[in-house]
Amino acid sequence: MTTLVVAEQEHRHAIEDKLLEGILAIVARGQRFGLIIACCGLLIALVLGIAGMRTPACVVGSGALMTGLRSRRYGRPQ
């Protein structure tokens, strides 16, 4: 009886480890996409700023910064 309990516990731990690895992979992917979106936004803001459109550049740049910060802060598992 105890061998069945030990085997079940080991199986449960293995399943939980796989689940945790999957969640961490999804979180890492989301953070990469957030970084890509933030970098694209900053590049667009730079182009707008060089073109003399300061107000749209500020709006896009601040949105890109907030996207980058949000993806780092809220992209982590609790």
N, C-alpha and C. Protein backbone atom coordinates (compact mmCIF):
# COMPACT_ATOMS: atom_id res chain seq x y z
N MET A 1 0.82 -1.19 0.00
CA MET A 1 0.00 0.00 0.00
C MET A 1 0.87 1.27 0.00
N THR A 2 1.92 1.26 0.81
CA THR A 2 2.76 2.46 0.88
C THR A 2 3.52 2.68 -0.42
N THR A 3 3.83 1.62 -1.14
CA THR A 3 4.53 1.81 -2.42
C THR A 3 3.62 2.49 -3.44
N LEU A 4 2.32 2.19 -3.40
CA LEU A 4 1.37 2.86 -4.28
C LEU A 4 1.27 4.34 -3.94
N VAL A 5 1.26 4.64 -2.67
CA VAL A 5 1.17 6.04 -2.24
C VAL A 5 2.42 6.81 -2.67
N VAL A 6 3.57 6.21 -2.49
CA VAL A 6 4.82 6.86 -2.89
C VAL A 6 4.87 7.04 -4.40
N ALA A 7 4.45 6.03 -5.14
CA ALA A 7 4.44 6.15 -6.60
C ALA A 7 3.48 7.24 -7.06
N GLU A 8 2.31 7.32 -6.44
CA GLU A 8 1.34 8.36 -6.78
C GLU A 8 1.88 9.75 -6.46
N GLN A 9 2.57 9.87 -5.34
CA GLN A 9 3.15 11.16 -4.95
C GLN A 9 4.24 11.58 -5.94
N GLU A 10 5.08 10.66 -6.34
CA GLU A 10 6.12 10.97 -7.32
C GLU A 10 5.51 11.37 -8.67
N HIS A 11 4.46 10.65 -9.04
CA HIS A 11 3.77 10.98 -10.29
C HIS A 11 3.16 12.39 -10.22
N ARG A 12 2.54 12.69 -9.11
CA ARG A 12 1.92 14.02 -8.92
C ARG A 12 2.98 15.11 -8.98
N HIS A 13 4.11 14.91 -8.34
CA HIS A 13 5.20 15.90 -8.38
C HIS A 13 5.72 16.08 -9.80
N ALA A 14 5.84 15.01 -10.55
CA ALA A 14 6.31 15.10 -11.93
C ALA A 14 5.32 15.90 -12.78
N ILE A 15 4.03 15.66 -12.61
CA ILE A 15 3.00 16.39 -13.36
C ILE A 15 3.03 17.87 -12.98
N GLU A 16 3.17 18.18 -11.70
CA GLU A 16 3.21 19.58 -11.26
C GLU A 16 4.45 20.28 -11.79
N ASP A 17 5.57 19.57 -11.86
CA ASP A 17 6.79 20.17 -12.42
C ASP A 17 6.61 20.50 -13.90
N LYS A 18 5.99 19.59 -14.65
CA LYS A 18 5.73 19.85 -16.07
C LYS A 18 4.80 21.04 -16.25
N LEU A 19 3.78 21.13 -15.41
CA LEU A 19 2.84 22.25 -15.48
C LEU A 19 3.54 23.56 -15.19
N LEU A 20 4.39 23.58 -14.18
CA LEU A 20 5.12 24.79 -13.83
C LEU A 20 6.08 25.21 -14.95
N GLU A 21 6.74 24.25 -15.56
CA GLU A 21 7.64 24.56 -16.69
C GLU A 21 6.86 25.15 -17.86
N GLY A 22 5.67 24.64 -18.11
CA GLY A 22 4.83 25.17 -19.18
C GLY A 22 4.38 26.60 -18.90
N ILE A 23 3.99 26.86 -17.67
CA ILE A 23 3.56 28.21 -17.29
C ILE A 23 4.72 29.19 -17.42
N LEU A 24 5.89 28.79 -16.98
CA LEU A 24 7.05 29.68 -17.07
C LEU A 24 7.44 29.95 -18.52
N ALA A 25 7.27 28.96 -19.40
CA ALA A 25 7.56 29.16 -20.82
C ALA A 25 6.58 30.16 -21.43
N ILE A 26 5.31 30.07 -21.05
CA ILE A 26 4.31 31.01 -21.56
C ILE A 26 4.61 32.42 -21.06
N VAL A 27 4.99 32.56 -19.81
CA VAL A 27 5.31 33.87 -19.24
C VAL A 27 6.52 34.47 -19.95
N ALA A 28 7.54 33.66 -20.19
CA ALA A 28 8.74 34.16 -20.86
C ALA A 28 8.41 34.61 -22.29
N ARG A 29 7.56 33.86 -22.97
CA ARG A 29 7.16 34.23 -24.33
C ARG A 29 6.40 35.56 -24.31
N GLY A 30 5.50 35.73 -23.36
CA GLY A 30 4.75 36.97 -23.25
C GLY A 30 5.65 38.16 -22.96
N GLN A 31 6.66 37.96 -22.13
CA GLN A 31 7.59 39.05 -21.85
C GLN A 31 8.42 39.40 -23.07
N ARG A 32 8.80 38.41 -23.87
CA ARG A 32 9.54 38.70 -25.11
C ARG A 32 8.68 39.50 -26.07
N PHE A 33 7.42 39.10 -26.22
CA PHE A 33 6.53 39.84 -27.12
C PHE A 33 6.31 41.26 -26.60
N GLY A 34 6.17 41.43 -25.30
CA GLY A 34 6.02 42.76 -24.73
C GLY A 34 7.24 43.62 -24.99
N LEU A 35 8.42 43.03 -24.91
CA LEU A 35 9.65 43.77 -25.20
C LEU A 35 9.71 44.18 -26.67
N ILE A 36 9.32 43.26 -27.56
CA ILE A 36 9.32 43.58 -28.99
C ILE A 36 8.35 44.71 -29.29
N ILE A 37 7.15 44.65 -28.71
CA ILE A 37 6.16 45.71 -28.94
C ILE A 37 6.65 47.04 -28.39
N ALA A 38 7.26 47.03 -27.21
CA ALA A 38 7.78 48.27 -26.62
C ALA A 38 8.90 48.86 -27.47
N CYS A 39 9.80 48.02 -27.96
CA CYS A 39 10.90 48.51 -28.81
C CYS A 39 10.39 49.09 -30.12
N CYS A 40 9.38 48.44 -30.71
CA CYS A 40 8.79 48.98 -31.94
C CYS A 40 8.12 50.32 -31.67
N GLY A 41 7.44 50.44 -30.55
CA GLY A 41 6.81 51.70 -30.20
C GLY A 41 7.82 52.81 -29.99
N LEU A 42 8.93 52.49 -29.34
CA LEU A 42 9.97 53.50 -29.14
C LEU A 42 10.62 53.90 -30.46
N LEU A 43 10.78 52.95 -31.35
CA LEU A 43 11.33 53.27 -32.67
C LEU A 43 10.38 54.17 -33.45
N ILE A 44 9.10 53.88 -33.41
CA ILE A 44 8.11 54.73 -34.07
C ILE A 44 8.10 56.12 -33.45
N ALA A 45 8.20 56.20 -32.12
CA ALA A 45 8.25 57.50 -31.45
C ALA A 45 9.50 58.28 -31.87
N LEU A 46 10.61 57.60 -32.03
CA LEU A 46 11.83 58.26 -32.48
C LEU A 46 11.66 58.83 -33.88
N VAL A 47 11.07 58.04 -34.76
CA VAL A 47 10.84 58.50 -36.13
C VAL A 47 9.89 59.70 -36.14
N LEU A 48 8.83 59.63 -35.34
CA LEU A 48 7.89 60.76 -35.27
C LEU A 48 8.56 62.00 -34.69
N GLY A 49 9.41 61.82 -33.71
CA GLY A 49 10.12 62.95 -33.12
C GLY A 49 11.08 63.59 -34.11
N ILE A 50 11.78 62.78 -34.87
CA ILE A 50 12.70 63.31 -35.88
C ILE A 50 11.92 64.05 -36.97
N ALA A 51 10.71 63.56 -37.29
CA ALA A 51 9.89 64.18 -38.32
C ALA A 51 9.24 65.48 -37.84
N GLY A 52 9.41 65.82 -36.56
CA GLY A 52 8.88 67.07 -36.04
C GLY A 52 7.50 66.95 -35.42
N MET A 53 6.97 65.77 -35.31
CA MET A 53 5.65 65.55 -34.70
C MET A 53 5.84 65.18 -33.23
N ARG A 54 6.02 66.19 -32.40
CA ARG A 54 6.39 65.93 -31.00
C ARG A 54 5.26 65.34 -30.18
N THR A 55 4.03 65.85 -30.36
CA THR A 55 2.92 65.35 -29.55
C THR A 55 2.64 63.88 -29.84
N PRO A 56 2.50 63.46 -31.10
CA PRO A 56 2.29 62.01 -31.33
C PRO A 56 3.49 61.18 -30.87
N ALA A 57 4.69 61.74 -30.98
CA ALA A 57 5.88 61.02 -30.53
C ALA A 57 5.82 60.80 -29.02
N CYS A 58 5.38 61.80 -28.28
CA CYS A 58 5.27 61.66 -26.82
C CYS A 58 4.21 60.63 -26.44
N VAL A 59 3.08 60.66 -27.15
CA VAL A 59 2.00 59.71 -26.85
C VAL A 59 2.45 58.28 -27.14
N VAL A 60 3.02 58.07 -28.31
CA VAL A 60 3.46 56.72 -28.70
C VAL A 60 4.61 56.26 -27.79
N GLY A 61 5.55 57.16 -27.51
CA GLY A 61 6.69 56.79 -26.66
C GLY A 61 6.28 56.43 -25.25
N SER A 62 5.36 57.22 -24.66
CA SER A 62 4.92 56.90 -23.30
C SER A 62 4.12 55.61 -23.28
N GLY A 63 3.32 55.37 -24.33
CA GLY A 63 2.60 54.10 -24.41
C GLY A 63 3.54 52.91 -24.53
N ALA A 64 4.60 53.10 -25.30
CA ALA A 64 5.58 52.02 -25.45
C ALA A 64 6.29 51.74 -24.13
N LEU A 65 6.63 52.79 -23.41
CA LEU A 65 7.28 52.58 -22.11
C LEU A 65 6.36 51.87 -21.13
N MET A 66 5.09 52.28 -21.12
CA MET A 66 4.15 51.63 -20.21
C MET A 66 3.93 50.17 -20.61
N THR A 67 3.91 49.89 -21.90
CA THR A 67 3.78 48.50 -22.35
C THR A 67 4.96 47.67 -21.87
N GLY A 68 6.17 48.22 -21.99
CA GLY A 68 7.35 47.50 -21.53
C GLY A 68 7.33 47.25 -20.04
N LEU A 69 6.92 48.27 -19.29
CA LEU A 69 6.87 48.11 -17.83
C LEU A 69 5.77 47.12 -17.43
N ARG A 70 4.63 47.21 -18.10
CA ARG A 70 3.51 46.33 -17.77
C ARG A 70 3.84 44.88 -18.09
N SER A 71 4.53 44.65 -19.20
CA SER A 71 4.86 43.26 -19.54
C SER A 71 5.87 42.67 -18.57
N ARG A 72 6.72 43.50 -18.00
CA ARG A 72 7.67 43.00 -17.01
C ARG A 72 6.99 42.79 -15.65
N ARG A 73 6.08 43.70 -15.26
CA ARG A 73 5.47 43.62 -13.95
C ARG A 73 4.38 42.57 -13.89
N TYR A 74 3.46 42.57 -14.85
CA TYR A 74 2.30 41.69 -14.78
C TYR A 74 2.50 40.39 -15.52
N GLY A 75 3.66 40.21 -16.15
CA GLY A 75 3.92 38.98 -16.89
C GLY A 75 4.46 37.87 -16.02
N ARG A 76 4.65 38.12 -14.75
CA ARG A 76 5.22 37.11 -13.85
C ARG A 76 4.11 36.30 -13.18
N PRO A 77 4.35 35.05 -12.93
CA PRO A 77 3.35 34.26 -12.20
C PRO A 77 3.31 34.71 -10.75
N GLN A 78 2.16 34.64 -10.16
CA GLN A 78 1.96 35.12 -8.77
C GLN A 78 2.42 34.09 -7.78
